């Protein structure tokens, strides 16, 4: 049974502008594993933007928004060996996820030079 569906789209330029100011923002939003993955890519801002969109889409699917101590860093998107993005949860986000007894997360991320989009489906 579907618990929630979320989608988000972001302009890659927004990530580029913030990243140009220094690494503090990236360290707040993205985990070390996510940063290591994105920094190895030729068009790293697209990959950062895709992960940002996936985090936003996840919270939309959860129906919570950013509240009650939920943090970007508690949502981690790591690709499996075939390149499929997988969402791992930590901290307060994980507690809320478990509270709703959600069993499965599906996600898809796409990006081009100017835009990144993500969709998340949560199932009970």
PDB file of N, CA and C in Angstrom:
ATOM      1  N   UNK A   1       0.830  -1.171   0.000  1.00  0.00           N
ATOM      2  CA  UNK A   1       0.000   0.000   0.000  1.00  0.00           C
ATOM      3  C   UNK A   1       0.884   1.247   0.000  1.00  0.00           C
ATOM      4  N   UNK A   2       0.559   2.208  -0.840  1.00  0.00           N
ATOM      5  CA  UNK A   2       1.351   3.432  -0.918  1.00  0.00           C
ATOM      6  C   UNK A   2       1.013   4.332   0.262  1.00  0.00           C
ATOM      7  N   UNK A   3       2.046   4.762   0.961  1.00  0.00           N
ATOM      8  CA  UNK A   3       1.899   5.695   2.075  1.00  0.00           C
ATOM      9  C   UNK A   3       1.968   7.135   1.563  1.00  0.00           C
ATOM     10  N   UNK A   4       2.917   7.388   0.644  1.00  0.00           N
ATOM     11  CA  UNK A   4       3.063   8.739   0.128  1.00  0.00           C
ATOM     12  C   UNK A   4       3.952   8.787  -1.101  1.00  0.00           C
ATOM     13  N   UNK A   5       3.740   9.829  -1.903  1.00  0.00           N
ATOM     14  CA  UNK A   5       4.544  10.080  -3.098  1.00  0.00           C
ATOM     15  C   UNK A   5       5.022  11.522  -3.029  1.00  0.00           C
ATOM     16  N   UNK A   6       6.291  11.731  -3.326  1.00  0.00           N
ATOM     17  CA  UNK A   6       6.834  13.085  -3.332  1.00  0.00           C
ATOM     18  C   UNK A   6       7.685  13.305  -4.560  1.00  0.00           C
ATOM     19  N   UNK A   7       7.705  14.540  -5.029  1.00  0.00           N
ATOM     20  CA  UNK A   7       8.570  14.904  -6.153  1.00  0.00           C
ATOM     21  C   UNK A   7       9.147  16.285  -5.887  1.00  0.00           C
ATOM     22  N   UNK A   8      10.311  16.532  -6.436  1.00  0.00           N
ATOM     23  CA  UNK A   8      10.925  17.846  -6.301  1.00  0.00           C
ATOM     24  C   UNK A   8      11.811  18.101  -7.517  1.00  0.00           C
ATOM     25  N   UNK A   9      11.891  19.354  -7.893  1.00  0.00           N
ATOM     26  CA  UNK A   9      12.740  19.776  -9.000  1.00  0.00           C
ATOM     27  C   UNK A   9      13.530  20.998  -8.537  1.00  0.00           C
ATOM     28  N   UNK A  10      14.774  21.080  -8.942  1.00  0.00           N
ATOM     29  CA  UNK A  10      15.639  22.181  -8.528  1.00  0.00           C
ATOM     30  C   UNK A  10      16.521  22.606  -9.694  1.00  0.00           C
ATOM     31  N   UNK A  11      16.807  23.888  -9.746  1.00  0.00           N
ATOM     32  CA  UNK A  11      17.758  24.399 -10.734  1.00  0.00           C
ATOM     33  C   UNK A  11      19.167  24.103 -10.243  1.00  0.00           C
ATOM     34  N   UNK A  12      19.979  23.524 -11.084  1.00  0.00           N
ATOM     35  CA  UNK A  12      21.357  23.182 -10.730  1.00  0.00           C
ATOM     36  C   UNK A  12      22.136  24.446 -10.339  1.00  0.00           C
ATOM     37  N   UNK A  13      21.822  25.559 -10.944  1.00  0.00           N
ATOM     38  CA  UNK A  13      22.513  26.825 -10.648  1.00  0.00           C
ATOM     39  C   UNK A  13      22.382  27.211  -9.176  1.00  0.00           C
ATOM     40  N   UNK A  14      21.280  26.851  -8.534  1.00  0.00           N
ATOM     41  CA  UNK A  14      21.117  27.158  -7.103  1.00  0.00           C
ATOM     42  C   UNK A  14      22.179  26.450  -6.276  1.00  0.00           C
ATOM     43  N   UNK A  15      22.462  25.217  -6.614  1.00  0.00           N
ATOM     44  CA  UNK A  15      23.500  24.465  -5.900  1.00  0.00           C
ATOM     45  C   UNK A  15      24.870  25.055  -6.220  1.00  0.00           C
ATOM     46  N   UNK A  16      25.110  25.402  -7.469  1.00  0.00           N
ATOM     47  CA  UNK A  16      26.395  25.986  -7.858  1.00  0.00           C
ATOM     48  C   UNK A  16      26.670  27.288  -7.115  1.00  0.00           C
ATOM     49  N   UNK A  17      25.649  28.131  -6.976  1.00  0.00           N
ATOM     50  CA  UNK A  17      25.809  29.414  -6.286  1.00  0.00           C
ATOM     51  C   UNK A  17      26.187  29.218  -4.825  1.00  0.00           C
ATOM     52  N   UNK A  18      25.511  28.301  -4.170  1.00  0.00           N
ATOM     53  CA  UNK A  18      25.780  28.053  -2.757  1.00  0.00           C
ATOM     54  C   UNK A  18      27.139  27.385  -2.579  1.00  0.00           C
ATOM     55  N   UNK A  19      27.468  26.447  -3.426  1.00  0.00           N
ATOM     56  CA  UNK A  19      28.749  25.741  -3.323  1.00  0.00           C
ATOM     57  C   UNK A  19      29.910  26.701  -3.544  1.00  0.00           C
ATOM     58  N   UNK A  20      29.702  27.716  -4.363  1.00  0.00           N
ATOM     59  CA  UNK A  20      30.757  28.693  -4.634  1.00  0.00           C
ATOM     60  C   UNK A  20      31.112  29.509  -3.388  1.00  0.00           C
ATOM     61  N   UNK A  21      30.211  29.557  -2.432  1.00  0.00           N
ATOM     62  CA  UNK A  21      30.444  30.321  -1.198  1.00  0.00           C
ATOM     63  C   UNK A  21      31.304  29.557  -0.200  1.00  0.00           C
ATOM     64  N   UNK A  22      31.514  28.263  -0.435  1.00  0.00           N
ATOM     65  CA  UNK A  22      32.325  27.458   0.481  1.00  0.00           C
ATOM     66  C   UNK A  22      31.665  26.122   0.759  1.00  0.00           C
ATOM     67  N   UNK A  23      32.383  25.264   1.450  1.00  0.00           N
ATOM     68  CA  UNK A  23      31.916  23.891   1.666  1.00  0.00           C
ATOM     69  C   UNK A  23      30.964  23.744   2.850  1.00  0.00           C
ATOM     70  N   UNK A  24      30.801  24.775   3.667  1.00  0.00           N
ATOM     71  CA  UNK A  24      29.970  24.646   4.866  1.00  0.00           C
ATOM     72  C   UNK A  24      28.543  24.214   4.525  1.00  0.00           C
ATOM     73  N   UNK A  25      27.939  24.800   3.516  1.00  0.00           N
ATOM     74  CA  UNK A  25      26.578  24.441   3.126  1.00  0.00           C
ATOM     75  C   UNK A  25      26.516  22.982   2.687  1.00  0.00           C
ATOM     76  N   UNK A  26      27.452  22.592   1.834  1.00  0.00           N
ATOM     77  CA  UNK A  26      27.448  21.211   1.347  1.00  0.00           C
ATOM     78  C   UNK A  26      27.599  20.226   2.498  1.00  0.00           C
ATOM     79  N   UNK A  27      28.409  20.572   3.484  1.00  0.00           N
ATOM     80  CA  UNK A  27      28.617  19.690   4.632  1.00  0.00           C
ATOM     81  C   UNK A  27      27.379  19.608   5.517  1.00  0.00           C
ATOM     82  N   UNK A  28      26.548  20.634   5.505  1.00  0.00           N
ATOM     83  CA  UNK A  28      25.315  20.631   6.290  1.00  0.00           C
ATOM     84  C   UNK A  28      24.238  19.792   5.621  1.00  0.00           C
ATOM     85  N   UNK A  29      24.180  19.848   4.303  1.00  0.00           N
ATOM     86  CA  UNK A  29      23.110  19.198   3.549  1.00  0.00           C
ATOM     87  C   UNK A  29      23.443  17.756   3.183  1.00  0.00           C
ATOM     88  N   UNK A  30      24.697  17.498   2.843  1.00  0.00           N
ATOM     89  CA  UNK A  30      25.087  16.194   2.303  1.00  0.00           C
ATOM     90  C   UNK A  30      26.046  15.470   3.233  1.00  0.00           C
ATOM     91  N   UNK A  31      25.856  14.154   3.338  1.00  0.00           N
ATOM     92  CA  UNK A  31      26.746  13.340   4.163  1.00  0.00           C
ATOM     93  C   UNK A  31      28.112  13.216   3.481  1.00  0.00           C
ATOM     94  N   UNK A  32      29.050  12.726   4.219  1.00  0.00           N
ATOM     95  CA  UNK A  32      30.396  12.531   3.671  1.00  0.00           C
ATOM     96  C   UNK A  32      30.371  11.583   2.466  1.00  0.00           C
ATOM     97  N   UNK A  33      29.610  10.497   2.558  1.00  0.00           N
ATOM     98  CA  UNK A  33      29.515   9.557   1.441  1.00  0.00           C
ATOM     99  C   UNK A  33      28.921  10.228   0.207  1.00  0.00           C
ATOM    100  N   UNK A  34      27.898  11.053   0.410  1.00  0.00           N
ATOM    101  CA  UNK A  34      27.276  11.756  -0.719  1.00  0.00           C
ATOM    102  C   UNK A  34      28.270  12.735  -1.348  1.00  0.00           C
ATOM    103  N   UNK A  35      28.987  13.467  -0.522  1.00  0.00           N
ATOM    104  CA  UNK A  35      29.971  14.434  -1.048  1.00  0.00           C
ATOM    105  C   UNK A  35      31.086  13.716  -1.804  1.00  0.00           C
ATOM    106  N   UNK A  36      31.552  12.610  -1.267  1.00  0.00           N
ATOM    107  CA  UNK A  36      32.601  11.849  -1.953  1.00  0.00           C
ATOM    108  C   UNK A  36      32.123  11.386  -3.325  1.00  0.00           C
ATOM    109  N   UNK A  37      30.887  10.913  -3.396  1.00  0.00           N
ATOM    110  CA  UNK A  37      30.319  10.466  -4.670  1.00  0.00           C
ATOM    111  C   UNK A  37      30.235  11.633  -5.656  1.00  0.00           C
ATOM    112  N   UNK A  38      29.630  12.733  -5.240  1.00  0.00           N
ATOM    113  CA  UNK A  38      29.412  13.864  -6.143  1.00  0.00           C
ATOM    114  C   UNK A  38      30.714  14.507  -6.597  1.00  0.00           C
ATOM    115  N   UNK A  39      31.688  14.608  -5.705  1.00  0.00           N
ATOM    116  CA  UNK A  39      32.952  15.267  -6.031  1.00  0.00           C
ATOM    117  C   UNK A  39      33.750  14.508  -7.089  1.00  0.00           C
ATOM    118  N   UNK A  40      33.470  13.233  -7.268  1.00  0.00           N
ATOM    119  CA  UNK A  40      34.169  12.436  -8.283  1.00  0.00           C
ATOM    120  C   UNK A  40      33.570  12.602  -9.669  1.00  0.00           C
ATOM    121  N   UNK A  41      32.418  13.252  -9.767  1.00  0.00           N
ATOM    122  CA  UNK A  41      31.712  13.393 -11.038  1.00  0.00           C
ATOM    123  C   UNK A  41      32.171  14.625 -11.793  1.00  0.00           C
ATOM    124  N   UNK A  42      32.146  14.536 -13.119  1.00  0.00           N
ATOM    125  CA  UNK A  42      32.538  15.672 -13.963  1.00  0.00           C
ATOM    126  C   UNK A  42      31.569  16.841 -13.777  1.00  0.00           C
ATOM    127  N   UNK A  43      30.288  16.545 -13.679  1.00  0.00           N
ATOM    128  CA  UNK A  43      29.264  17.589 -13.485  1.00  0.00           C
ATOM    129  C   UNK A  43      28.683  17.429 -12.083  1.00  0.00           C
ATOM    130  N   UNK A  44      29.535  17.651 -11.086  1.00  0.00           N
ATOM    131  CA  UNK A  44      29.165  17.369  -9.707  1.00  0.00           C
ATOM    132  C   UNK A  44      27.944  18.144  -9.222  1.00  0.00           C
ATOM    133  N   UNK A  45      27.742  19.363  -9.691  1.00  0.00           N
ATOM    134  CA  UNK A  45      26.586  20.143  -9.243  1.00  0.00           C
ATOM    135  C   UNK A  45      25.265  19.477  -9.626  1.00  0.00           C
ATOM    136  N   UNK A  46      25.229  18.804 -10.763  1.00  0.00           N
ATOM    137  CA  UNK A  46      24.025  18.081 -11.165  1.00  0.00           C
ATOM    138  C   UNK A  46      23.729  16.941 -10.182  1.00  0.00           C
ATOM    139  N   UNK A  47      24.776  16.267  -9.745  1.00  0.00           N
ATOM    140  CA  UNK A  47      24.604  15.142  -8.824  1.00  0.00           C
ATOM    141  C   UNK A  47      24.190  15.632  -7.439  1.00  0.00           C
ATOM    142  N   UNK A  48      24.787  16.735  -6.995  1.00  0.00           N
ATOM    143  CA  UNK A  48      24.351  17.343  -5.729  1.00  0.00           C
ATOM    144  C   UNK A  48      22.882  17.758  -5.824  1.00  0.00           C
ATOM    145  N   UNK A  49      22.518  18.403  -6.922  1.00  0.00           N
ATOM    146  CA  UNK A  49      21.141  18.878  -7.092  1.00  0.00           C
ATOM    147  C   UNK A  49      20.158  17.705  -7.092  1.00  0.00           C
ATOM    148  N   UNK A  50      20.518  16.613  -7.733  1.00  0.00           N
ATOM    149  CA  UNK A  50      19.650  15.436  -7.739  1.00  0.00           C
ATOM    150  C   UNK A  50      19.428  14.889  -6.342  1.00  0.00           C
ATOM    151  N   UNK A  51      20.474  14.854  -5.543  1.00  0.00           N
ATOM    152  CA  UNK A  51      20.348  14.372  -4.174  1.00  0.00           C
ATOM    153  C   UNK A  51      19.535  15.336  -3.318  1.00  0.00           C
ATOM    154  N   UNK A  52      19.720  16.624  -3.539  1.00  0.00           N
ATOM    155  CA  UNK A  52      18.922  17.616  -2.824  1.00  0.00           C
ATOM    156  C   UNK A  52      17.436  17.424  -3.150  1.00  0.00           C
ATOM    157  N   UNK A  53      17.136  17.269  -4.422  1.00  0.00           N
ATOM    158  CA  UNK A  53      15.744  17.057  -4.844  1.00  0.00           C
ATOM    159  C   UNK A  53      15.182  15.781  -4.227  1.00  0.00           C
ATOM    160  N   UNK A  54      15.986  14.730  -4.134  1.00  0.00           N
ATOM    161  CA  UNK A  54      15.518  13.471  -3.548  1.00  0.00           C
ATOM    162  C   UNK A  54      15.209  13.623  -2.060  1.00  0.00           C
ATOM    163  N   UNK A  55      16.007  14.406  -1.359  1.00  0.00           N
ATOM    164  CA  UNK A  55      15.751  14.640   0.067  1.00  0.00           C
ATOM    165  C   UNK A  55      14.442  15.399   0.252  1.00  0.00           C
ATOM    166  N   UNK A  56      14.234  16.415  -0.567  1.00  0.00           N
ATOM    167  CA  UNK A  56      12.974  17.172  -0.515  1.00  0.00           C
ATOM    168  C   UNK A  56      11.789  16.278  -0.885  1.00  0.00           C
ATOM    169  N   UNK A  57      11.938  15.479  -1.925  1.00  0.00           N
ATOM    170  CA  UNK A  57      10.866  14.585  -2.359  1.00  0.00           C
ATOM    171  C   UNK A  57      10.536  13.564  -1.273  1.00  0.00           C
ATOM    172  N   UNK A  58      11.555  13.083  -0.579  1.00  0.00           N
ATOM    173  CA  UNK A  58      11.327  12.122   0.501  1.00  0.00           C
ATOM    174  C   UNK A  58      10.448  12.735   1.581  1.00  0.00           C
ATOM    175  N   UNK A  59      10.769  13.942   2.009  1.00  0.00           N
ATOM    176  CA  UNK A  59       9.980  14.571   3.071  1.00  0.00           C
ATOM    177  C   UNK A  59       8.570  14.904   2.614  1.00  0.00           C
ATOM    178  N   UNK A  60       8.401  15.205   1.337  1.00  0.00           N
ATOM    179  CA  UNK A  60       7.051  15.420   0.806  1.00  0.00           C
ATOM    180  C   UNK A  60       6.258  14.111   0.844  1.00  0.00           C
ATOM    181  N   UNK A  61       6.895  13.013   0.484  1.00  0.00           N
ATOM    182  CA  UNK A  61       6.229  11.710   0.533  1.00  0.00           C
ATOM    183  C   UNK A  61       5.885  11.333   1.965  1.00  0.00           C
ATOM    184  N   UNK A  62       6.742  11.687   2.887  1.00  0.00           N
ATOM    185  CA  UNK A  62       6.512  11.402   4.299  1.00  0.00           C
ATOM    186  C   UNK A  62       5.408  12.295   4.863  1.00  0.00           C
ATOM    187  N   UNK A  63       5.221  13.464   4.239  1.00  0.00           N
ATOM    188  CA  UNK A  63       4.175  14.386   4.673  1.00  0.00           C
ATOM    189  C   UNK A  63       4.557  15.234   5.856  1.00  0.00           C
ATOM    190  N   UNK A  64       5.857  15.360   6.100  1.00  0.00           N
ATOM    191  CA  UNK A  64       6.307  16.043   7.306  1.00  0.00           C
ATOM    192  C   UNK A  64       6.866  17.441   7.074  1.00  0.00           C
ATOM    193  N   UNK A  65       7.526  17.648   5.953  1.00  0.00           N
ATOM    194  CA  UNK A  65       8.269  18.897   5.773  1.00  0.00           C
ATOM    195  C   UNK A  65       9.438  18.940   6.747  1.00  0.00           C
ATOM    196  N   UNK A  66      10.137  20.066   6.770  1.00  0.00           N
ATOM    197  CA  UNK A  66      11.285  20.225   7.674  1.00  0.00           C
ATOM    198  C   UNK A  66      10.770  20.740   9.016  1.00  0.00           C
ATOM    199  N   UNK A  67      10.691  19.876  10.014  1.00  0.00           N
ATOM    200  CA  UNK A  67      10.190  20.261  11.332  1.00  0.00           C
ATOM    201  C   UNK A  67      10.747  19.335  12.400  1.00  0.00           C
ATOM    202  N   UNK A  68      10.570  19.694  13.626  1.00  0.00           N
ATOM    203  CA  UNK A  68      10.869  18.837  14.781  1.00  0.00           C
ATOM    204  C   UNK A  68      12.249  18.194  14.733  1.00  0.00           C
ATOM    205  N   UNK A  69      13.254  18.959  14.366  1.00  0.00           N
ATOM    206  CA  UNK A  69      14.615  18.450  14.393  1.00  0.00           C
ATOM    207  C   UNK A  69      15.021  17.605  13.207  1.00  0.00           C
ATOM    208  N   UNK A  70      14.187  17.536  12.173  1.00  0.00           N
ATOM    209  CA  UNK A  70      14.561  16.783  10.974  1.00  0.00           C
ATOM    210  C   UNK A  70      15.673  17.539  10.254  1.00  0.00           C
ATOM    211  N   UNK A  71      16.647  16.816   9.743  1.00  0.00           N
ATOM    212  CA  UNK A  71      17.810  17.444   9.124  1.00  0.00           C
ATOM    213  C   UNK A  71      18.122  16.795   7.785  1.00  0.00           C
ATOM    214  N   UNK A  72      18.604  17.622   6.849  1.00  0.00           N
ATOM    215  CA  UNK A  72      19.001  17.119   5.529  1.00  0.00           C
ATOM    216  C   UNK A  72      19.997  15.966   5.665  1.00  0.00           C
ATOM    217  N   UNK A  73      20.938  16.101   6.579  1.00  0.00           N
ATOM    218  CA  UNK A  73      21.974  15.087   6.741  1.00  0.00           C
ATOM    219  C   UNK A  73      21.469  13.748   7.240  1.00  0.00           C
ATOM    220  N   UNK A  74      20.216  13.715   7.726  1.00  0.00           N
ATOM    221  CA  UNK A  74      19.639  12.454   8.187  1.00  0.00           C
ATOM    222  C   UNK A  74      19.037  11.636   7.051  1.00  0.00           C
ATOM    223  N   UNK A  75      19.028  12.220   5.854  1.00  0.00           N
ATOM    224  CA  UNK A  75      18.562  11.515   4.660  1.00  0.00           C
ATOM    225  C   UNK A  75      19.777  11.373   3.754  1.00  0.00           C
ATOM    226  N   UNK A  76      20.164  10.147   3.468  1.00  0.00           N
ATOM    227  CA  UNK A  76      21.390   9.886   2.704  1.00  0.00           C
ATOM    228  C   UNK A  76      21.049   9.079   1.458  1.00  0.00           C
ATOM    229  N   UNK A  77      21.482   9.587   0.311  1.00  0.00           N
ATOM    230  CA  UNK A  77      21.224   8.906  -0.955  1.00  0.00           C
ATOM    231  C   UNK A  77      22.542   8.345  -1.473  1.00  0.00           C
ATOM    232  N   UNK A  78      22.598   7.022  -1.543  1.00  0.00           N
ATOM    233  CA  UNK A  78      23.790   6.304  -2.003  1.00  0.00           C
ATOM    234  C   UNK A  78      23.376   5.388  -3.146  1.00  0.00           C
ATOM    235  N   UNK A  79      24.120   5.405  -4.233  1.00  0.00           N
ATOM    236  CA  UNK A  79      23.818   4.526  -5.362  1.00  0.00           C
ATOM    237  C   UNK A  79      24.338   3.124  -5.088  1.00  0.00           C
ATOM    238  N   UNK A  80      23.552   2.109  -5.522  1.00  0.00           N
ATOM    239  CA  UNK A  80      24.020   0.734  -5.399  1.00  0.00           C
ATOM    240  C   UNK A  80      25.019   0.440  -6.517  1.00  0.00           C
ATOM    241  N   UNK A  81      25.465  -0.792  -6.616  1.00  0.00           N
ATOM    242  CA  UNK A  81      26.495  -1.168  -7.594  1.00  0.00           C
ATOM    243  C   UNK A  81      26.053  -0.970  -9.042  1.00  0.00           C
ATOM    244  N   UNK A  82      24.742  -0.962  -9.275  1.00  0.00           N
ATOM    245  CA  UNK A  82      24.227  -0.759 -10.629  1.00  0.00           C
ATOM    246  C   UNK A  82      23.862   0.699 -10.907  1.00  0.00           C
ATOM    247  N   UNK A  83      24.043   1.566  -9.909  1.00  0.00           N
ATOM    248  CA  UNK A  83      23.752   2.987 -10.081  1.00  0.00           C
ATOM    249  C   UNK A  83      22.390   3.434  -9.594  1.00  0.00           C
ATOM    250  N   UNK A  84      21.602   2.498  -9.060  1.00  0.00           N
ATOM    251  CA  UNK A  84      20.266   2.843  -8.561  1.00  0.00           C
ATOM    252  C   UNK A  84      20.394   3.590  -7.232  1.00  0.00           C
ATOM    253  N   UNK A  85      19.755   4.773  -7.131  1.00  0.00           N
ATOM    254  CA  UNK A  85      19.832   5.508  -5.861  1.00  0.00           C
ATOM    255  C   UNK A  85      19.003   4.823  -4.768  1.00  0.00           C
ATOM    256  N   UNK A  86      19.575   4.740  -3.591  1.00  0.00           N
ATOM    257  CA  UNK A  86      18.902   4.151  -2.438  1.00  0.00           C
ATOM    258  C   UNK A  86      18.941   5.167  -1.304  1.00  0.00           C
ATOM    259  N   UNK A  87      17.861   5.255  -0.557  1.00  0.00           N
ATOM    260  CA  UNK A  87      17.785   6.212   0.544  1.00  0.00           C
ATOM    261  C   UNK A  87      18.006   5.485   1.862  1.00  0.00           C
ATOM    262  N   UNK A  88      18.939   6.013   2.657  1.00  0.00           N
ATOM    263  CA  UNK A  88      19.215   5.517   3.999  1.00  0.00           C
ATOM    264  C   UNK A  88      18.872   6.633   4.978  1.00  0.00           C
ATOM    265  N   UNK A  89      18.265   6.259   6.089  1.00  0.00           N
ATOM    266  CA  UNK A  89      17.774   7.249   7.040  1.00  0.00           C
ATOM    267  C   UNK A  89      18.505   7.147   8.367  1.00  0.00           C
ATOM    268  N   UNK A  90      18.622   8.303   9.031  1.00  0.00           N
ATOM    269  CA  UNK A  90      19.310   8.390  10.318  1.00  0.00           C
ATOM    270  C   UNK A  90      18.538   9.357  11.221  1.00  0.00           C
ATOM    271  N   UNK A  91      18.857   9.363  12.485  1.00  0.00           N
ATOM    272  CA  UNK A  91      18.363  10.359  13.425  1.00  0.00           C
ATOM    273  C   UNK A  91      16.851  10.461  13.499  1.00  0.00           C
ATOM    274  N   UNK A  92      16.380  11.712  13.607  1.00  0.00           N
ATOM    275  CA  UNK A  92      14.952  11.981  13.776  1.00  0.00           C
ATOM    276  C   UNK A  92      14.129  11.555  12.560  1.00  0.00           C
ATOM    277  N   UNK A  93      14.721  11.635  11.376  1.00  0.00           N
ATOM    278  CA  UNK A  93      14.004  11.203  10.174  1.00  0.00           C
ATOM    279  C   UNK A  93      13.726   9.705  10.248  1.00  0.00           C
ATOM    280  N   UNK A  94      14.700   8.935  10.672  1.00  0.00           N
ATOM    281  CA  UNK A  94      14.534   7.483  10.815  1.00  0.00           C
ATOM    282  C   UNK A  94      13.456   7.162  11.854  1.00  0.00           C
ATOM    283  N   UNK A  95      13.450   7.908  12.963  1.00  0.00           N
ATOM    284  CA  UNK A  95      12.438   7.681  13.999  1.00  0.00           C
ATOM    285  C   UNK A  95      11.028   7.924  13.458  1.00  0.00           C
ATOM    286  N   UNK A  96      10.851   8.999  12.705  1.00  0.00           N
ATOM    287  CA  UNK A  96       9.539   9.311  12.138  1.00  0.00           C
ATOM    288  C   UNK A  96       9.123   8.254  11.116  1.00  0.00           C
ATOM    289  N   UNK A  97      10.065   7.850  10.281  1.00  0.00           N
ATOM    290  CA  UNK A  97       9.839   6.794   9.284  1.00  0.00           C
ATOM    291  C   UNK A  97       9.367   5.507   9.974  1.00  0.00           C
ATOM    292  N   UNK A  98      10.053   5.119  11.036  1.00  0.00           N
ATOM    293  CA  UNK A  98       9.696   3.910  11.774  1.00  0.00           C
ATOM    294  C   UNK A  98       8.334   4.065  12.468  1.00  0.00           C
ATOM    295  N   UNK A  99       8.061   5.250  12.974  1.00  0.00           N
ATOM    296  CA  UNK A  99       6.780   5.516  13.630  1.00  0.00           C
ATOM    297  C   UNK A  99       5.611   5.222  12.686  1.00  0.00           C
ATOM    298  N   UNK A 100       5.753   5.603  11.421  1.00  0.00           N
ATOM    299  CA  UNK A 100       4.701   5.373  10.428  1.00  0.00           C
ATOM    300  C   UNK A 100       4.709   3.945   9.882  1.00  0.00           C
ATOM    301  N   UNK A 101       5.658   3.128  10.318  1.00  0.00           N
ATOM    302  CA  UNK A 101       5.779   1.719   9.922  1.00  0.00           C
ATOM    303  C   UNK A 101       5.879   1.548   8.406  1.00  0.00           C
ATOM    304  N   UNK A 102       6.664   2.408   7.792  1.00  0.00           N
ATOM    305  CA  UNK A 102       6.888   2.328   6.350  1.00  0.00           C
ATOM    306  C   UNK A 102       7.910   1.225   6.093  1.00  0.00           C
ATOM    307  N   UNK A 103       7.661   0.432   5.062  1.00  0.00           N
ATOM    308  CA  UNK A 103       8.486  -0.756   4.804  1.00  0.00           C
ATOM    309  C   UNK A 103       9.431  -0.613   3.614  1.00  0.00           C
ATOM    310  N   UNK A 104       9.089   0.258   2.657  1.00  0.00           N
ATOM    311  CA  UNK A 104       9.908   0.307   1.434  1.00  0.00           C
ATOM    312  C   UNK A 104       9.965   1.719   0.868  1.00  0.00           C
ATOM    313  N   UNK A 105      11.137   2.076   0.367  1.00  0.00           N
ATOM    314  CA  UNK A 105      11.354   3.371  -0.290  1.00  0.00           C
ATOM    315  C   UNK A 105      11.801   3.107  -1.721  1.00  0.00           C
ATOM    316  N   UNK A 106      11.139   3.737  -2.682  1.00  0.00           N
ATOM    317  CA  UNK A 106      11.593   3.719  -4.078  1.00  0.00           C
ATOM    318  C   UNK A 106      11.926   5.154  -4.455  1.00  0.00           C
ATOM    319  N   UNK A 107      13.007   5.327  -5.178  1.00  0.00           N
ATOM    320  CA  UNK A 107      13.379   6.676  -5.604  1.00  0.00           C
ATOM    321  C   UNK A 107      13.985   6.655  -6.997  1.00  0.00           C
ATOM    322  N   UNK A 108      13.799   7.750  -7.690  1.00  0.00           N
ATOM    323  CA  UNK A 108      14.394   7.939  -9.010  1.00  0.00           C
ATOM    324  C   UNK A 108      14.883   9.375  -9.096  1.00  0.00           C
ATOM    325  N   UNK A 109      16.075   9.549  -9.634  1.00  0.00           N
ATOM    326  CA  UNK A 109      16.690  10.870  -9.789  1.00  0.00           C
ATOM    327  C   UNK A 109      17.113  11.039 -11.237  1.00  0.00           C
ATOM    328  N   UNK A 110      16.817  12.205 -11.806  1.00  0.00           N
ATOM    329  CA  UNK A 110      17.297  12.545 -13.152  1.00  0.00           C
ATOM    330  C   UNK A 110      17.825  13.966 -13.129  1.00  0.00           C
ATOM    331  N   UNK A 111      18.814  14.218 -13.970  1.00  0.00           N
ATOM    332  CA  UNK A 111      19.342  15.577 -14.055  1.00  0.00           C
ATOM    333  C   UNK A 111      19.942  15.835 -15.425  1.00  0.00           C
ATOM    334  N   UNK A 112      19.876  17.093 -15.797  1.00  0.00           N
ATOM    335  CA  UNK A 112      20.508  17.601 -17.004  1.00  0.00           C
ATOM    336  C   UNK A 112      21.268  18.849 -16.593  1.00  0.00           C
ATOM    337  N   UNK A 113      21.861  19.521 -17.541  1.00  0.00           N
ATOM    338  CA  UNK A 113      22.716  20.662 -17.228  1.00  0.00           C
ATOM    339  C   UNK A 113      22.042  21.690 -16.313  1.00  0.00           C
ATOM    340  N   UNK A 114      20.781  21.992 -16.534  1.00  0.00           N
ATOM    341  CA  UNK A 114      20.123  23.078 -15.804  1.00  0.00           C
ATOM    342  C   UNK A 114      19.210  22.633 -14.664  1.00  0.00           C
ATOM    343  N   UNK A 115      18.704  21.403 -14.701  1.00  0.00           N
ATOM    344  CA  UNK A 115      17.690  20.983 -13.738  1.00  0.00           C
ATOM    345  C   UNK A 115      17.956  19.570 -13.218  1.00  0.00           C
ATOM    346  N   UNK A 116      17.456  19.325 -12.001  1.00  0.00           N
ATOM    347  CA  UNK A 116      17.467  17.976 -11.432  1.00  0.00           C
ATOM    348  C   UNK A 116      16.090  17.725 -10.839  1.00  0.00           C
ATOM    349  N   UNK A 117      15.636  16.497 -10.946  1.00  0.00           N
ATOM    350  CA  UNK A 117      14.312  16.115 -10.441  1.00  0.00           C
ATOM    351  C   UNK A 117      14.432  14.772  -9.740  1.00  0.00           C
ATOM    352  N   UNK A 118      13.574  14.587  -8.734  1.00  0.00           N
ATOM    353  CA  UNK A 118      13.536  13.304  -8.039  1.00  0.00           C
ATOM    354  C   UNK A 118      12.101  12.978  -7.666  1.00  0.00           C
ATOM    355  N   UNK A 119      11.825  11.685  -7.621  1.00  0.00           N
ATOM    356  CA  UNK A 119      10.531  11.168  -7.203  1.00  0.00           C
ATOM    357  C   UNK A 119      10.799  10.116  -6.128  1.00  0.00           C
ATOM    358  N   UNK A 120       9.980  10.129  -5.073  1.00  0.00           N
ATOM    359  CA  UNK A 120      10.085   9.139  -4.000  1.00  0.00           C
ATOM    360  C   UNK A 120       8.702   8.570  -3.737  1.00  0.00           C
ATOM    361  N   UNK A 121       8.638   7.241  -3.599  1.00  0.00           N
ATOM    362  CA  UNK A 121       7.404   6.545  -3.239  1.00  0.00           C
ATOM    363  C   UNK A 121       7.692   5.764  -1.970  1.00  0.00           C
ATOM    364  N   UNK A 122       6.813   5.944  -0.962  1.00  0.00           N
ATOM    365  CA  UNK A 122       6.916   5.223   0.293  1.00  0.00           C
ATOM    366  C   UNK A 122       5.774   4.225   0.381  1.00  0.00           C
ATOM    367  N   UNK A 123       6.102   2.982   0.785  1.00  0.00           N
ATOM    368  CA  UNK A 123       5.085   1.934   0.865  1.00  0.00           C
ATOM    369  C   UNK A 123       5.047   1.333   2.269  1.00  0.00           C
ATOM    370  N   UNK A 124       3.831   1.050   2.700  1.00  0.00           N
ATOM    371  CA  UNK A 124       3.627   0.377   3.999  1.00  0.00           C
ATOM    372  C   UNK A 124       3.591  -1.124   3.802  1.00  0.00           C
TER     373      UNK A 124
END
